[in-house]
Amino acid sequence: MVYYRNMPRFSRQPLLLALALSLGLLTSGNSAALEVYKYVDSLGRVHLTDRPPHQGYKLIQKAGKPVNMARIDFKSKDANRKRFSPKIGEMAREHRVPEALLHAVITVESAYDPNAVSRAGAVGLMQLMPATANRFGVFNRHDPFANLSGGTRYLRHLMDLFDNNLNLALAGYNAGENAVKKYGNQIPPFDETQNYVRKVLELYRAQVSG
């Protein structure tokens, strides 16, 4: 893990790549594709790692090429929802998570695209980061059923951790449980996280009331 502080914006990307190379986080030529993640902490320090410990890290480099945009197939949303609904129902019952809530999370996370990849490097139906996948025994994040299982178990863990407070469980799913704890068991003051919680709950309540 390395970090720097308060460097001019224009100089950061070259330095990030140089540091990553010096640490062996990136390889040259056609070597194996290793990922580099970046996190800016509250002191303005930038941390680099190939094994992000929480969801706040953003994927900046993969196979020697910068990651610039998310990839989600919205056109197949309805077909994929139909395809995965039986397994979603099974996971919801097995792990005691409201099925409508699981559908709402998946809608916002990936629009039911099993191949979705976020700008941060999260993958699959429930957008698992490497650390979360490892924590819940998901060895292949691209396997939609393993991804669904891991994500559902993580959501159940967060619901237990925050006494079934859905606002906090969802905030934890988006920003990481430690971020929720850091802000006194409140939704962290991040626009992305606050919008995420709002969108998921709106979809969840619409399904329940409908």
N, C-alpha and C. Protein backbone atom coordinates (compact mmCIF):
# COMPACT_ATOMS: atom_id res chain seq x y z
N MET A 1 0.85 -1.19 0.00
CA MET A 1 0.00 0.00 0.00
C MET A 1 0.88 1.23 0.00
N VAL A 2 0.59 2.21 -0.88
CA VAL A 2 1.35 3.45 -0.90
C VAL A 2 0.37 4.61 -0.94
N TYR A 3 0.89 5.83 -0.60
CA TYR A 3 0.03 6.99 -0.74
C TYR A 3 0.86 8.24 -0.97
N TYR A 4 0.22 9.28 -1.54
CA TYR A 4 0.82 10.59 -1.65
C TYR A 4 -0.25 11.60 -1.25
N ARG A 5 0.16 12.83 -0.99
CA ARG A 5 -0.79 13.84 -0.52
C ARG A 5 -0.68 15.14 -1.33
N ASN A 6 -1.84 15.69 -1.66
CA ASN A 6 -1.95 17.05 -2.19
C ASN A 6 -1.07 17.33 -3.40
N MET A 7 -1.01 16.42 -4.33
CA MET A 7 -0.25 16.67 -5.55
C MET A 7 -1.16 17.29 -6.59
N PRO A 8 -0.61 18.11 -7.51
CA PRO A 8 -1.45 18.72 -8.56
C PRO A 8 -2.17 17.65 -9.35
N ARG A 9 -3.40 17.96 -9.74
CA ARG A 9 -4.24 16.99 -10.42
C ARG A 9 -3.58 16.44 -11.67
N PHE A 10 -2.92 17.31 -12.48
CA PHE A 10 -2.38 16.87 -13.76
C PHE A 10 -1.26 15.86 -13.60
N SER A 11 -0.60 15.83 -12.44
CA SER A 11 0.56 14.96 -12.27
C SER A 11 0.22 13.63 -11.63
N ARG A 12 -1.02 13.46 -11.20
CA ARG A 12 -1.33 12.29 -10.39
C ARG A 12 -1.32 10.98 -11.16
N GLN A 13 -1.93 10.95 -12.34
CA GLN A 13 -2.03 9.67 -13.05
C GLN A 13 -0.66 9.08 -13.37
N PRO A 14 0.31 9.87 -13.92
CA PRO A 14 1.62 9.28 -14.17
C PRO A 14 2.27 8.76 -12.89
N LEU A 15 2.13 9.50 -11.78
CA LEU A 15 2.74 9.05 -10.54
C LEU A 15 2.08 7.77 -10.04
N LEU A 16 0.75 7.70 -10.15
CA LEU A 16 0.06 6.49 -9.74
C LEU A 16 0.59 5.28 -10.48
N LEU A 17 0.76 5.43 -11.80
CA LEU A 17 1.21 4.30 -12.59
C LEU A 17 2.66 3.96 -12.27
N ALA A 18 3.49 5.00 -12.04
CA ALA A 18 4.87 4.73 -11.70
C ALA A 18 4.99 4.00 -10.37
N LEU A 19 4.20 4.45 -9.38
CA LEU A 19 4.22 3.78 -8.09
C LEU A 19 3.73 2.35 -8.21
N ALA A 20 2.67 2.16 -8.99
CA ALA A 20 2.13 0.82 -9.16
C ALA A 20 3.17 -0.10 -9.79
N LEU A 21 3.86 0.43 -10.80
CA LEU A 21 4.88 -0.38 -11.46
C LEU A 21 6.02 -0.72 -10.50
N SER A 22 6.40 0.26 -9.70
CA SER A 22 7.51 0.03 -8.78
C SER A 22 7.17 -1.01 -7.73
N LEU A 23 5.89 -1.12 -7.41
CA LEU A 23 5.46 -2.11 -6.41
C LEU A 23 5.14 -3.47 -7.02
N GLY A 24 5.20 -3.52 -8.36
CA GLY A 24 4.88 -4.78 -9.01
C GLY A 24 3.39 -5.02 -9.13
N LEU A 25 2.58 -3.95 -8.97
CA LEU A 25 1.14 -4.13 -9.10
C LEU A 25 0.72 -4.24 -10.55
N LEU A 26 1.55 -3.70 -11.46
CA LEU A 26 1.26 -3.81 -12.88
C LEU A 26 2.38 -4.60 -13.54
N THR A 27 2.06 -5.28 -14.59
CA THR A 27 3.07 -6.00 -15.35
C THR A 27 3.10 -5.46 -16.76
N SER A 28 4.17 -5.68 -17.48
CA SER A 28 4.28 -5.17 -18.83
C SER A 28 3.99 -6.26 -19.83
N GLY A 29 3.91 -5.85 -21.11
CA GLY A 29 3.68 -6.82 -22.17
C GLY A 29 2.36 -7.52 -22.03
N ASN A 30 2.37 -8.84 -22.23
CA ASN A 30 1.14 -9.63 -22.18
C ASN A 30 1.06 -10.44 -20.91
N SER A 31 1.63 -9.96 -19.82
CA SER A 31 1.58 -10.69 -18.56
C SER A 31 0.18 -10.71 -18.02
N ALA A 32 -0.01 -11.41 -16.91
CA ALA A 32 -1.33 -11.54 -16.31
C ALA A 32 -1.90 -10.18 -15.97
N ALA A 33 -3.21 -10.03 -16.11
CA ALA A 33 -3.89 -8.76 -15.88
C ALA A 33 -4.11 -8.55 -14.39
N LEU A 34 -3.30 -7.67 -13.78
CA LEU A 34 -3.47 -7.34 -12.38
C LEU A 34 -4.19 -6.00 -12.27
N GLU A 35 -4.97 -5.84 -11.21
CA GLU A 35 -5.78 -4.65 -11.04
C GLU A 35 -5.15 -3.73 -10.02
N VAL A 36 -5.25 -2.43 -10.25
CA VAL A 36 -4.78 -1.44 -9.30
C VAL A 36 -5.97 -0.58 -8.87
N TYR A 37 -6.15 -0.45 -7.56
CA TYR A 37 -7.26 0.31 -7.01
C TYR A 37 -6.73 1.53 -6.26
N LYS A 38 -7.50 2.61 -6.30
CA LYS A 38 -7.12 3.86 -5.65
C LYS A 38 -8.19 4.29 -4.66
N TYR A 39 -7.75 4.84 -3.53
CA TYR A 39 -8.67 5.37 -2.52
C TYR A 39 -8.09 6.65 -1.95
N VAL A 40 -8.90 7.71 -1.88
CA VAL A 40 -8.48 8.97 -1.29
C VAL A 40 -9.10 9.07 0.10
N ASP A 41 -8.26 9.15 1.15
CA ASP A 41 -8.78 9.18 2.50
C ASP A 41 -9.12 10.60 2.94
N SER A 42 -9.58 10.76 4.16
CA SER A 42 -10.05 12.05 4.64
C SER A 42 -8.95 13.09 4.77
N LEU A 43 -7.69 12.65 4.74
CA LEU A 43 -6.55 13.57 4.82
C LEU A 43 -6.01 13.93 3.45
N GLY A 44 -6.68 13.45 2.42
CA GLY A 44 -6.26 13.74 1.06
C GLY A 44 -5.17 12.82 0.54
N ARG A 45 -4.85 11.78 1.28
CA ARG A 45 -3.83 10.82 0.85
C ARG A 45 -4.45 9.81 -0.11
N VAL A 46 -3.71 9.47 -1.14
CA VAL A 46 -4.18 8.50 -2.13
C VAL A 46 -3.49 7.16 -1.88
N HIS A 47 -4.28 6.13 -1.67
CA HIS A 47 -3.77 4.78 -1.39
C HIS A 47 -3.90 3.92 -2.64
N LEU A 48 -2.89 3.15 -2.94
CA LEU A 48 -2.90 2.22 -4.06
C LEU A 48 -2.78 0.80 -3.55
N THR A 49 -3.51 -0.10 -4.14
CA THR A 49 -3.41 -1.50 -3.77
C THR A 49 -3.97 -2.37 -4.88
N ASP A 50 -3.60 -3.64 -4.88
CA ASP A 50 -4.23 -4.59 -5.80
C ASP A 50 -5.27 -5.44 -5.07
N ARG A 51 -5.44 -5.19 -3.75
CA ARG A 51 -6.41 -5.93 -2.96
C ARG A 51 -7.20 -4.95 -2.09
N PRO A 52 -8.21 -4.31 -2.67
CA PRO A 52 -8.96 -3.29 -1.92
C PRO A 52 -9.65 -3.87 -0.70
N PRO A 53 -9.45 -3.27 0.48
CA PRO A 53 -10.06 -3.79 1.70
C PRO A 53 -11.50 -3.35 1.90
N HIS A 54 -11.96 -2.38 1.14
CA HIS A 54 -13.36 -1.95 1.26
C HIS A 54 -13.85 -1.35 -0.06
N GLN A 55 -15.14 -1.05 -0.13
CA GLN A 55 -15.78 -0.64 -1.37
C GLN A 55 -15.42 0.78 -1.81
N GLY A 56 -14.71 1.54 -0.95
CA GLY A 56 -14.36 2.90 -1.30
C GLY A 56 -13.27 2.99 -2.34
N TYR A 57 -12.57 1.90 -2.60
CA TYR A 57 -11.50 1.90 -3.60
C TYR A 57 -12.07 1.88 -5.01
N LYS A 58 -11.41 2.60 -5.93
CA LYS A 58 -11.82 2.65 -7.32
C LYS A 58 -10.76 1.99 -8.20
N LEU A 59 -11.22 1.17 -9.14
CA LEU A 59 -10.31 0.52 -10.07
C LEU A 59 -9.80 1.55 -11.06
N ILE A 60 -8.47 1.72 -11.14
CA ILE A 60 -7.91 2.71 -12.06
C ILE A 60 -7.09 2.08 -13.17
N GLN A 61 -6.69 0.83 -13.00
CA GLN A 61 -5.82 0.23 -14.00
C GLN A 61 -6.05 -1.27 -14.07
N LYS A 62 -6.18 -1.77 -15.29
CA LYS A 62 -6.33 -3.20 -15.49
C LYS A 62 -5.68 -3.58 -16.80
N ALA A 63 -4.80 -4.57 -16.76
CA ALA A 63 -4.10 -5.05 -17.95
C ALA A 63 -3.39 -3.92 -18.68
N GLY A 64 -2.90 -2.94 -17.92
CA GLY A 64 -2.14 -1.85 -18.52
C GLY A 64 -2.96 -0.78 -19.17
N LYS A 65 -4.30 -0.83 -19.02
CA LYS A 65 -5.16 0.16 -19.65
C LYS A 65 -6.05 0.81 -18.61
N PRO A 66 -6.16 2.15 -18.60
CA PRO A 66 -7.02 2.82 -17.63
C PRO A 66 -8.47 2.40 -17.79
N VAL A 67 -9.19 2.33 -16.68
CA VAL A 67 -10.61 2.02 -16.70
C VAL A 67 -11.38 3.32 -16.69
N ASN A 68 -12.19 3.57 -17.70
CA ASN A 68 -12.86 4.87 -17.83
C ASN A 68 -14.37 4.83 -17.67
N MET A 69 -14.99 3.71 -17.98
CA MET A 69 -16.44 3.73 -17.96
C MET A 69 -17.03 2.40 -17.54
N ALA A 70 -18.24 2.49 -16.99
CA ALA A 70 -18.95 1.28 -16.58
C ALA A 70 -19.52 0.57 -17.80
N ARG A 71 -19.77 -0.71 -17.66
CA ARG A 71 -20.36 -1.49 -18.74
C ARG A 71 -21.57 -2.24 -18.21
N ILE A 72 -22.75 -1.86 -18.68
CA ILE A 72 -24.00 -2.53 -18.29
C ILE A 72 -24.87 -2.67 -19.53
N ASP A 73 -25.42 -3.85 -19.71
CA ASP A 73 -26.32 -4.13 -20.83
C ASP A 73 -27.76 -3.90 -20.36
N PHE A 74 -28.29 -2.70 -20.63
CA PHE A 74 -29.65 -2.38 -20.21
C PHE A 74 -30.70 -3.01 -21.13
N LYS A 75 -30.31 -3.32 -22.37
CA LYS A 75 -31.28 -3.83 -23.34
C LYS A 75 -31.84 -5.20 -22.93
N SER A 76 -31.05 -5.97 -22.21
CA SER A 76 -31.48 -7.32 -21.83
C SER A 76 -32.07 -7.39 -20.43
N LYS A 77 -32.41 -6.24 -19.86
CA LYS A 77 -32.86 -6.19 -18.47
C LYS A 77 -34.05 -7.10 -18.22
N ASP A 78 -35.10 -6.99 -19.03
CA ASP A 78 -36.32 -7.78 -18.79
C ASP A 78 -36.06 -9.27 -18.94
N ALA A 79 -35.31 -9.64 -19.97
CA ALA A 79 -35.01 -11.06 -20.19
C ALA A 79 -34.16 -11.61 -19.05
N ASN A 80 -33.20 -10.82 -18.59
CA ASN A 80 -32.35 -11.28 -17.51
C ASN A 80 -33.11 -11.35 -16.19
N ARG A 81 -34.03 -10.43 -15.98
CA ARG A 81 -34.83 -10.49 -14.76
C ARG A 81 -35.63 -11.80 -14.73
N LYS A 82 -36.23 -12.15 -15.85
CA LYS A 82 -36.99 -13.39 -15.93
C LYS A 82 -36.08 -14.59 -15.73
N ARG A 83 -34.89 -14.52 -16.30
CA ARG A 83 -33.93 -15.63 -16.21
C ARG A 83 -33.48 -15.87 -14.78
N PHE A 84 -33.21 -14.80 -14.04
CA PHE A 84 -32.63 -14.95 -12.72
C PHE A 84 -33.64 -14.90 -11.57
N SER A 85 -34.88 -14.58 -11.85
CA SER A 85 -35.87 -14.44 -10.78
C SER A 85 -36.03 -15.70 -9.93
N PRO A 86 -36.07 -16.89 -10.50
CA PRO A 86 -36.19 -18.08 -9.64
C PRO A 86 -35.05 -18.20 -8.64
N LYS A 87 -33.82 -17.94 -9.09
CA LYS A 87 -32.67 -18.04 -8.20
C LYS A 87 -32.68 -16.91 -7.18
N ILE A 88 -33.13 -15.73 -7.58
CA ILE A 88 -33.24 -14.62 -6.65
C ILE A 88 -34.22 -14.97 -5.53
N GLY A 89 -35.35 -15.55 -5.90
CA GLY A 89 -36.33 -15.97 -4.90
C GLY A 89 -35.76 -17.01 -3.96
N GLU A 90 -35.00 -17.95 -4.51
CA GLU A 90 -34.39 -19.00 -3.70
C GLU A 90 -33.40 -18.41 -2.70
N MET A 91 -32.54 -17.50 -3.17
CA MET A 91 -31.56 -16.87 -2.29
C MET A 91 -32.24 -16.02 -1.22
N ALA A 92 -33.31 -15.33 -1.60
CA ALA A 92 -34.04 -14.49 -0.65
C ALA A 92 -34.60 -15.33 0.49
N ARG A 93 -35.19 -16.47 0.15
CA ARG A 93 -35.77 -17.34 1.18
C ARG A 93 -34.68 -17.97 2.05
N GLU A 94 -33.61 -18.41 1.41
CA GLU A 94 -32.55 -19.09 2.14
C GLU A 94 -31.87 -18.17 3.16
N HIS A 95 -31.70 -16.91 2.78
CA HIS A 95 -30.95 -15.99 3.63
C HIS A 95 -31.83 -14.94 4.31
N ARG A 96 -33.13 -15.15 4.24
CA ARG A 96 -34.09 -14.28 4.95
C ARG A 96 -33.94 -12.81 4.58
N VAL A 97 -33.83 -12.57 3.29
CA VAL A 97 -33.80 -11.21 2.76
C VAL A 97 -35.08 -11.02 1.95
N PRO A 98 -35.81 -9.93 2.13
CA PRO A 98 -37.03 -9.72 1.34
C PRO A 98 -36.73 -9.81 -0.16
N GLU A 99 -37.48 -10.61 -0.85
CA GLU A 99 -37.23 -10.81 -2.28
C GLU A 99 -37.32 -9.49 -3.04
N ALA A 100 -38.28 -8.67 -2.67
CA ALA A 100 -38.44 -7.37 -3.35
C ALA A 100 -37.21 -6.48 -3.12
N LEU A 101 -36.61 -6.59 -1.95
CA LEU A 101 -35.41 -5.80 -1.66
C LEU A 101 -34.25 -6.28 -2.52
N LEU A 102 -34.14 -7.58 -2.66
CA LEU A 102 -33.06 -8.14 -3.48
C LEU A 102 -33.21 -7.70 -4.93
N HIS A 103 -34.44 -7.72 -5.42
CA HIS A 103 -34.68 -7.24 -6.79
C HIS A 103 -34.33 -5.76 -6.91
N ALA A 104 -34.66 -4.98 -5.92
CA ALA A 104 -34.37 -3.54 -5.96
C ALA A 104 -32.87 -3.29 -5.99
N VAL A 105 -32.13 -4.02 -5.17
CA VAL A 105 -30.67 -3.86 -5.14
C VAL A 105 -30.06 -4.24 -6.48
N ILE A 106 -30.50 -5.36 -7.03
CA ILE A 106 -29.94 -5.82 -8.32
C ILE A 106 -30.29 -4.84 -9.43
N THR A 107 -31.50 -4.30 -9.40
CA THR A 107 -31.89 -3.32 -10.43
C THR A 107 -30.96 -2.12 -10.42
N VAL A 108 -30.68 -1.59 -9.24
CA VAL A 108 -29.82 -0.42 -9.14
C VAL A 108 -28.36 -0.78 -9.39
N GLU A 109 -27.93 -1.92 -8.90
CA GLU A 109 -26.53 -2.31 -9.03
C GLU A 109 -26.15 -2.64 -10.47
N SER A 110 -26.95 -3.44 -11.14
CA SER A 110 -26.51 -3.99 -12.43
C SER A 110 -27.59 -4.05 -13.51
N ALA A 111 -28.83 -3.67 -13.19
CA ALA A 111 -29.94 -3.82 -14.13
C ALA A 111 -30.05 -5.26 -14.62
N TYR A 112 -29.73 -6.22 -13.73
CA TYR A 112 -29.81 -7.66 -13.99
C TYR A 112 -28.79 -8.15 -15.02
N ASP A 113 -27.78 -7.35 -15.30
CA ASP A 113 -26.74 -7.76 -16.25
C ASP A 113 -25.67 -8.56 -15.50
N PRO A 114 -25.55 -9.86 -15.76
CA PRO A 114 -24.56 -10.68 -15.03
C PRO A 114 -23.12 -10.33 -15.39
N ASN A 115 -22.94 -9.58 -16.48
CA ASN A 115 -21.60 -9.21 -16.93
C ASN A 115 -21.28 -7.74 -16.65
N ALA A 116 -22.12 -7.10 -15.86
CA ALA A 116 -21.90 -5.68 -15.57
C ALA A 116 -20.58 -5.47 -14.84
N VAL A 117 -19.88 -4.41 -15.22
CA VAL A 117 -18.63 -4.01 -14.56
C VAL A 117 -18.71 -2.52 -14.28
N SER A 118 -18.46 -2.13 -13.03
CA SER A 118 -18.55 -0.72 -12.67
C SER A 118 -17.20 -0.03 -12.85
N ARG A 119 -17.22 1.30 -12.76
CA ARG A 119 -15.98 2.06 -12.84
C ARG A 119 -15.03 1.68 -11.71
N ALA A 120 -15.59 1.24 -10.59
CA ALA A 120 -14.76 0.88 -9.43
C ALA A 120 -14.22 -0.54 -9.53
N GLY A 121 -14.69 -1.30 -10.54
CA GLY A 121 -14.23 -2.67 -10.69
C GLY A 121 -15.13 -3.71 -10.07
N ALA A 122 -16.31 -3.28 -9.58
CA ALA A 122 -17.28 -4.25 -9.07
C ALA A 122 -17.88 -5.02 -10.24
N VAL A 123 -18.25 -6.27 -9.98
CA VAL A 123 -18.62 -7.18 -11.06
C VAL A 123 -19.93 -7.90 -10.76
N GLY A 124 -20.73 -8.11 -11.82
CA GLY A 124 -21.85 -9.04 -11.76
C GLY A 124 -23.16 -8.47 -11.28
N LEU A 125 -24.12 -9.37 -11.08
CA LEU A 125 -25.47 -8.99 -10.70
C LEU A 125 -25.50 -8.10 -9.47
N MET A 126 -24.71 -8.46 -8.47
CA MET A 126 -24.71 -7.71 -7.21
C MET A 126 -23.44 -6.91 -7.00
N GLN A 127 -22.69 -6.74 -8.10
CA GLN A 127 -21.54 -5.84 -8.13
C GLN A 127 -20.57 -6.07 -6.96
N LEU A 128 -20.02 -7.26 -6.93
CA LEU A 128 -19.10 -7.62 -5.87
C LEU A 128 -17.69 -7.12 -6.17
N MET A 129 -17.08 -6.50 -5.16
CA MET A 129 -15.67 -6.14 -5.22
C MET A 129 -14.85 -7.37 -4.81
N PRO A 130 -13.58 -7.42 -5.18
CA PRO A 130 -12.76 -8.60 -4.84
C PRO A 130 -12.75 -8.93 -3.35
N ALA A 131 -12.61 -7.92 -2.50
CA ALA A 131 -12.52 -8.18 -1.06
C ALA A 131 -13.82 -8.78 -0.53
N THR A 132 -14.95 -8.26 -1.00
CA THR A 132 -16.24 -8.79 -0.56
C THR A 132 -16.45 -10.21 -1.06
N ALA A 133 -16.07 -10.45 -2.31
CA ALA A 133 -16.18 -11.81 -2.86
C ALA A 133 -15.35 -12.79 -2.04
N ASN A 134 -14.12 -12.42 -1.74
CA ASN A 134 -13.26 -13.30 -0.94
C ASN A 134 -13.85 -13.55 0.44
N ARG A 135 -14.39 -12.51 1.02
CA ARG A 135 -14.95 -12.60 2.37
C ARG A 135 -16.10 -13.60 2.44
N PHE A 136 -16.89 -13.66 1.37
CA PHE A 136 -18.06 -14.53 1.37
C PHE A 136 -17.88 -15.76 0.47
N GLY A 137 -16.65 -16.10 0.19
CA GLY A 137 -16.35 -17.36 -0.48
C GLY A 137 -16.76 -17.43 -1.93
N VAL A 138 -16.79 -16.30 -2.61
CA VAL A 138 -17.11 -16.29 -4.04
C VAL A 138 -15.79 -16.29 -4.81
N PHE A 139 -15.48 -17.40 -5.44
CA PHE A 139 -14.19 -17.54 -6.12
C PHE A 139 -14.25 -17.05 -7.56
N ASN A 140 -15.45 -16.96 -8.12
CA ASN A 140 -15.61 -16.45 -9.48
C ASN A 140 -16.74 -15.42 -9.49
N ARG A 141 -16.38 -14.16 -9.44
CA ARG A 141 -17.39 -13.10 -9.40
C ARG A 141 -18.23 -13.04 -10.67
N HIS A 142 -17.72 -13.63 -11.75
CA HIS A 142 -18.43 -13.61 -13.02
C HIS A 142 -19.48 -14.71 -13.13
N ASP A 143 -19.48 -15.64 -12.19
CA ASP A 143 -20.53 -16.66 -12.14
C ASP A 143 -21.77 -16.02 -11.53
N PRO A 144 -22.86 -15.86 -12.29
CA PRO A 144 -24.01 -15.11 -11.78
C PRO A 144 -24.63 -15.69 -10.53
N PHE A 145 -24.63 -17.01 -10.40
CA PHE A 145 -25.27 -17.62 -9.24
C PHE A 145 -24.38 -17.50 -8.00
N ALA A 146 -23.08 -17.64 -8.19
CA ALA A 146 -22.14 -17.43 -7.07
C ALA A 146 -22.16 -15.97 -6.65
N ASN A 147 -22.22 -15.08 -7.63
CA ASN A 147 -22.28 -13.65 -7.36
C ASN A 147 -23.53 -13.30 -6.57
N LEU A 148 -24.65 -13.85 -6.99
CA LEU A 148 -25.92 -13.62 -6.31
C LEU A 148 -25.89 -14.16 -4.89
N SER A 149 -25.32 -15.34 -4.72
CA SER A 149 -25.22 -15.92 -3.38
C SER A 149 -24.36 -15.06 -2.45
N GLY A 150 -23.20 -14.65 -2.93
CA GLY A 150 -22.32 -13.83 -2.12
C GLY A 150 -22.92 -12.49 -1.77
N GLY A 151 -23.55 -11.85 -2.76
CA GLY A 151 -24.16 -10.55 -2.52
C GLY A 151 -25.33 -10.63 -1.56
N THR A 152 -26.12 -11.68 -1.66
CA THR A 152 -27.25 -11.85 -0.76
C THR A 152 -26.79 -12.09 0.66
N ARG A 153 -25.75 -12.91 0.81
CA ARG A 153 -25.22 -13.16 2.15
C ARG A 153 -24.61 -11.90 2.76
N TYR A 154 -23.97 -11.09 1.92
CA TYR A 154 -23.41 -9.83 2.41
C TYR A 154 -24.53 -8.88 2.85
N LEU A 155 -25.59 -8.82 2.08
CA LEU A 155 -26.72 -7.97 2.45
C LEU A 155 -27.35 -8.45 3.75
N ARG A 156 -27.49 -9.76 3.91
CA ARG A 156 -28.03 -10.31 5.16
C ARG A 156 -27.12 -9.96 6.35
N HIS A 157 -25.82 -10.06 6.12
CA HIS A 157 -24.85 -9.69 7.17
C HIS A 157 -25.04 -8.23 7.58
N LEU A 158 -25.21 -7.35 6.61
CA LEU A 158 -25.38 -5.93 6.91
C LEU A 158 -26.70 -5.67 7.63
N MET A 159 -27.74 -6.39 7.25
CA MET A 159 -29.02 -6.24 7.94
C MET A 159 -28.91 -6.68 9.40
N ASP A 160 -28.19 -7.76 9.65
CA ASP A 160 -27.97 -8.21 11.03
C ASP A 160 -27.11 -7.20 11.79
N LEU A 161 -26.07 -6.71 11.13
CA LEU A 161 -25.14 -5.79 11.77
C LEU A 161 -25.83 -4.50 12.21
N PHE A 162 -26.76 -4.02 11.39
CA PHE A 162 -27.42 -2.75 11.68
C PHE A 162 -28.88 -2.93 12.12
N ASP A 163 -29.15 -4.08 12.76
CA ASP A 163 -30.46 -4.33 13.37
C ASP A 163 -31.62 -4.14 12.41
N ASN A 164 -31.45 -4.64 11.18
CA ASN A 164 -32.48 -4.58 10.14
C ASN A 164 -32.87 -3.16 9.74
N ASN A 165 -32.00 -2.22 10.01
CA ASN A 165 -32.20 -0.85 9.52
C ASN A 165 -31.79 -0.83 8.05
N LEU A 166 -32.77 -0.79 7.16
CA LEU A 166 -32.47 -0.90 5.73
C LEU A 166 -31.66 0.27 5.22
N ASN A 167 -31.88 1.46 5.76
CA ASN A 167 -31.09 2.62 5.33
C ASN A 167 -29.60 2.36 5.55
N LEU A 168 -29.26 1.85 6.73
CA LEU A 168 -27.86 1.63 7.05
C LEU A 168 -27.30 0.40 6.33
N ALA A 169 -28.12 -0.64 6.19
CA ALA A 169 -27.66 -1.84 5.49
C ALA A 169 -27.34 -1.51 4.03
N LEU A 170 -28.20 -0.73 3.41
CA LEU A 170 -27.97 -0.36 2.01
C LEU A 170 -26.79 0.60 1.88
N ALA A 171 -26.67 1.51 2.82
CA ALA A 171 -25.51 2.40 2.81
C ALA A 171 -24.22 1.60 2.95
N GLY A 172 -24.26 0.58 3.81
CA GLY A 172 -23.10 -0.29 3.97
C GLY A 172 -22.79 -1.08 2.71
N TYR A 173 -23.83 -1.50 2.01
CA TYR A 173 -23.62 -2.25 0.77
C TYR A 173 -22.94 -1.37 -0.26
N ASN A 174 -23.27 -0.10 -0.28
CA ASN A 174 -22.70 0.81 -1.27
C ASN A 174 -21.34 1.36 -0.87
N ALA A 175 -21.21 1.80 0.37
CA ALA A 175 -19.99 2.50 0.80
C ALA A 175 -19.10 1.66 1.69
N GLY A 176 -19.60 0.52 2.15
CA GLY A 176 -18.85 -0.30 3.08
C GLY A 176 -19.32 -0.09 4.51
N GLU A 177 -19.39 -1.17 5.25
CA GLU A 177 -19.92 -1.08 6.61
C GLU A 177 -19.08 -0.18 7.51
N ASN A 178 -17.77 -0.13 7.26
CA ASN A 178 -16.91 0.72 8.09
C ASN A 178 -17.19 2.20 7.88
N ALA A 179 -17.61 2.56 6.68
CA ALA A 179 -17.97 3.96 6.43
C ALA A 179 -19.20 4.34 7.24
N VAL A 180 -20.17 3.44 7.33
CA VAL A 180 -21.38 3.69 8.12
C VAL A 180 -21.00 3.85 9.59
N LYS A 181 -20.14 2.98 10.08
CA LYS A 181 -19.70 3.06 11.48
C LYS A 181 -18.93 4.35 11.73
N LYS A 182 -18.09 4.73 10.78
CA LYS A 182 -17.27 5.93 10.92
C LYS A 182 -18.13 7.17 11.14
N TYR A 183 -19.28 7.21 10.50
CA TYR A 183 -20.17 8.37 10.63
C TYR A 183 -21.27 8.14 11.67
N GLY A 184 -20.93 7.36 12.69
CA GLY A 184 -21.83 7.20 13.82
C GLY A 184 -23.09 6.45 13.51
N ASN A 185 -22.98 5.40 12.68
CA ASN A 185 -24.14 4.62 12.26
C ASN A 185 -25.20 5.50 11.62
N GLN A 186 -24.72 6.33 10.71
CA GLN A 186 -25.57 7.16 9.88
C GLN A 186 -25.18 6.91 8.42
N ILE A 187 -26.08 7.26 7.50
CA ILE A 187 -25.72 7.16 6.09
C ILE A 187 -24.57 8.14 5.83
N PRO A 188 -23.45 7.67 5.29
CA PRO A 188 -22.32 8.57 5.05
C PRO A 188 -22.72 9.75 4.15
N PRO A 189 -22.07 10.89 4.31
CA PRO A 189 -22.44 12.09 3.55
C PRO A 189 -21.86 12.10 2.14
N PHE A 190 -22.05 10.99 1.44
CA PHE A 190 -21.59 10.88 0.06
C PHE A 190 -22.81 10.93 -0.85
N ASP A 191 -22.78 11.78 -1.86
CA ASP A 191 -23.92 11.90 -2.77
C ASP A 191 -24.27 10.55 -3.39
N GLU A 192 -23.25 9.81 -3.81
CA GLU A 192 -23.51 8.52 -4.44
C GLU A 192 -24.25 7.57 -3.51
N THR A 193 -23.79 7.50 -2.26
CA THR A 193 -24.41 6.58 -1.30
C THR A 193 -25.81 7.02 -0.93
N GLN A 194 -26.02 8.30 -0.70
CA GLN A 194 -27.35 8.79 -0.35
C GLN A 194 -28.34 8.58 -1.48
N ASN A 195 -27.89 8.81 -2.72
CA ASN A 195 -28.77 8.57 -3.87
C ASN A 195 -29.04 7.09 -4.05
N TYR A 196 -28.04 6.27 -3.78
CA TYR A 196 -28.19 4.81 -3.90
C TYR A 196 -29.26 4.31 -2.94
N VAL A 197 -29.17 4.72 -1.69
CA VAL A 197 -30.14 4.28 -0.68
C VAL A 197 -31.54 4.72 -1.08
N ARG A 198 -31.66 5.95 -1.52
CA ARG A 198 -32.98 6.47 -1.92
C ARG A 198 -33.56 5.67 -3.09
N LYS A 199 -32.76 5.41 -4.11
CA LYS A 199 -33.25 4.68 -5.29
C LYS A 199 -33.67 3.26 -4.95
N VAL A 200 -32.86 2.57 -4.17
CA VAL A 200 -33.18 1.18 -3.82
C VAL A 200 -34.47 1.13 -3.00
N LEU A 201 -34.59 2.00 -2.02
CA LEU A 201 -35.79 1.99 -1.18
C LEU A 201 -37.04 2.38 -1.96
N GLU A 202 -36.90 3.29 -2.90
CA GLU A 202 -38.05 3.65 -3.75
C GLU A 202 -38.52 2.45 -4.55
N LEU A 203 -37.59 1.72 -5.15
CA LEU A 203 -37.96 0.53 -5.92
C LEU A 203 -38.54 -0.55 -5.02
N TYR A 204 -37.94 -0.74 -3.88
CA TYR A 204 -38.41 -1.76 -2.92
C TYR A 204 -39.84 -1.46 -2.48
N ARG A 205 -40.10 -0.24 -2.08
CA ARG A 205 -41.45 0.14 -1.60
C ARG A 205 -42.47 0.08 -2.71
N ALA A 206 -42.05 0.41 -3.94
CA ALA A 206 -42.98 0.34 -5.06
C ALA A 206 -43.40 -1.11 -5.32
N GLN A 207 -42.44 -2.04 -5.21
CA GLN A 207 -42.76 -3.45 -5.42
C GLN A 207 -43.64 -3.99 -4.31
N VAL A 208 -43.34 -3.59 -3.07
CA VAL A 208 -44.12 -4.08 -1.94
C VAL A 208 -45.55 -3.56 -1.99
N SER A 209 -45.71 -2.27 -2.31
CA SER A 209 -47.04 -1.67 -2.33
C SER A 209 -47.81 -2.05 -3.58
N GLY A 210 -47.08 -2.44 -4.64
CA GLY A 210 -47.75 -2.79 -5.89
C GLY A 210 -48.28 -4.18 -5.89
